[in-house]
Amino acid sequence: MPIDVIGAVTGVAPTSYLGGADAVASAGTVAAPAGGPGFATALTGSIDQLQGLQSTADELAVRAVTGDLDDVHDYTIAASEAKVTLELTAAVRNKAVEAFTEIMRMQA
């Protein structure tokens, strides 16, 4: 998946998270970019956008079944966007759980 698609899904430009050498703090950890949204804010925005896409797809599905939708392709596109966004959200969640598990394993 191209990076600009991920930025479109999250609503945040992907380059805003790439701080380069300036983002590396003196202790060797990566610092958050100055002025950029935090991870929680980006994640919350992504989930809100996912809910919006799913509700749009649901609305178009009802309109298609009742015969009020002129072009069925609108529903197909909306459903595909919602599906891809849900798959991306699930993949990010799975990676976050894996990272948390690995951190807990390292502390033990």
Protein backbone atom coordinates (compact mmCIF):
# COMPACT_ATOMS: atom_id res chain seq x y z
CA MET A 1 0.00 0.00 0.00
CA PRO A 2 1.51 3.35 -0.98
CA ILE A 3 2.39 5.75 1.83
CA ASP A 4 0.11 8.50 0.50
CA VAL A 5 -2.86 6.10 0.82
CA ILE A 6 -2.00 5.56 4.48
CA GLY A 7 -1.87 9.32 4.93
CA ALA A 8 -5.29 9.60 3.31
CA VAL A 9 -6.70 6.97 5.66
CA THR A 10 -5.26 8.54 8.79
CA GLY A 11 -5.90 12.11 7.68
CA VAL A 12 -2.30 13.04 8.53
CA ALA A 13 0.48 13.50 6.03
CA PRO A 14 2.91 10.58 6.35
CA THR A 15 5.91 12.89 6.20
CA SER A 16 4.79 14.64 9.40
CA TYR A 17 5.95 11.60 11.36
CA LEU A 18 9.34 11.44 9.68
CA GLY A 19 11.52 13.72 11.73
CA GLY A 20 14.84 12.42 10.41
CA ALA A 21 17.93 12.84 12.53
CA ASP A 22 16.31 15.72 14.43
CA ALA A 23 13.79 13.30 15.95
CA VAL A 24 16.43 11.23 17.71
CA ALA A 25 16.87 12.42 21.27
CA SER A 26 20.18 12.30 23.10
CA ALA A 27 19.13 9.17 25.02
CA GLY A 28 18.70 7.25 21.76
CA THR A 29 14.92 7.32 21.77
CA VAL A 30 12.75 8.79 19.06
CA ALA A 31 11.08 12.04 20.08
CA ALA A 32 7.67 13.11 18.80
CA PRO A 33 7.86 15.66 15.99
CA ALA A 34 7.34 19.20 17.20
CA GLY A 35 3.88 20.50 16.39
CA GLY A 36 2.68 17.14 15.05
CA PRO A 37 -0.29 15.25 16.42
CA GLY A 38 0.36 12.52 18.93
CA PHE A 39 -0.17 8.85 18.20
CA ALA A 40 -3.37 8.75 20.22
CA THR A 41 -4.80 11.73 18.31
CA ALA A 42 -3.94 10.18 14.96
CA LEU A 43 -5.39 6.83 16.03
CA THR A 44 -8.60 8.42 17.28
CA GLY A 45 -8.98 10.38 14.05
CA SER A 46 -8.45 7.23 12.02
CA ILE A 47 -11.10 5.33 13.96
CA ASP A 48 -13.54 8.23 13.58
CA GLN A 49 -12.90 8.24 9.84
CA LEU A 50 -13.43 4.45 9.73
CA GLN A 51 -16.77 4.83 11.48
CA GLY A 52 -17.76 7.52 8.98
CA LEU A 53 -16.84 5.33 6.03
CA GLN A 54 -18.78 2.39 7.46
CA SER A 55 -21.87 4.49 8.13
CA THR A 56 -21.71 5.90 4.58
CA ALA A 57 -21.46 2.38 3.17
CA ASP A 58 -24.39 1.25 5.35
CA GLU A 59 -26.49 4.20 4.22
CA LEU A 60 -25.72 3.52 0.56
CA ALA A 61 -26.52 -0.17 1.05
CA VAL A 62 -29.97 0.70 2.39
CA ARG A 63 -30.53 3.12 -0.49
CA ALA A 64 -29.46 0.44 -2.99
CA VAL A 65 -31.85 -2.14 -1.53
CA THR A 66 -34.78 0.27 -1.47
CA GLY A 67 -34.10 1.42 -5.04
CA ASP A 68 -33.25 5.02 -4.13
CA LEU A 69 -29.63 4.74 -5.28
CA ASP A 70 -29.10 5.70 -8.91
CA ASP A 71 -25.62 4.23 -9.31
CA VAL A 72 -24.80 0.99 -7.50
CA HIS A 73 -21.10 1.65 -8.09
CA ASP A 74 -21.23 4.35 -5.40
CA TYR A 75 -22.12 1.68 -2.84
CA THR A 76 -19.46 -0.70 -4.16
CA ILE A 77 -16.76 1.96 -3.88
CA ALA A 78 -17.88 3.03 -0.39
CA ALA A 79 -17.97 -0.58 0.81
CA SER A 80 -14.49 -1.25 -0.61
CA GLU A 81 -13.07 1.87 1.06
CA ALA A 82 -14.59 0.85 4.38
CA LYS A 83 -13.21 -2.69 4.01
CA VAL A 84 -9.66 -1.55 3.20
CA THR A 85 -9.70 0.97 6.04
CA LEU A 86 -10.93 -1.69 8.48
CA GLU A 87 -8.18 -4.07 7.36
CA LEU A 88 -5.57 -1.33 7.85
CA THR A 89 -6.93 -0.52 11.30
CA ALA A 90 -6.85 -4.18 12.29
CA ALA A 91 -3.26 -4.51 11.04
CA VAL A 92 -2.17 -1.47 13.06
CA ARG A 93 -3.93 -2.87 16.13
CA ASN A 94 -2.25 -6.24 15.68
CA LYS A 95 1.18 -4.63 15.37
CA ALA A 96 0.53 -2.53 18.47
CA VAL A 97 -0.44 -5.63 20.45
CA GLU A 98 2.67 -7.44 19.19
CA ALA A 99 4.86 -4.49 20.19
CA PHE A 100 3.26 -4.31 23.64
CA THR A 101 3.74 -8.06 24.12
CA GLU A 102 7.39 -7.79 23.07
CA ILE A 103 7.99 -4.91 25.49
CA MET A 104 6.41 -6.88 28.32
CA ARG A 105 8.59 -9.87 27.40
CA MET A 106 11.71 -7.70 27.51
CA GLN A 107 10.85 -6.43 31.01
CA ALA A 108 10.38 -9.92 32.44
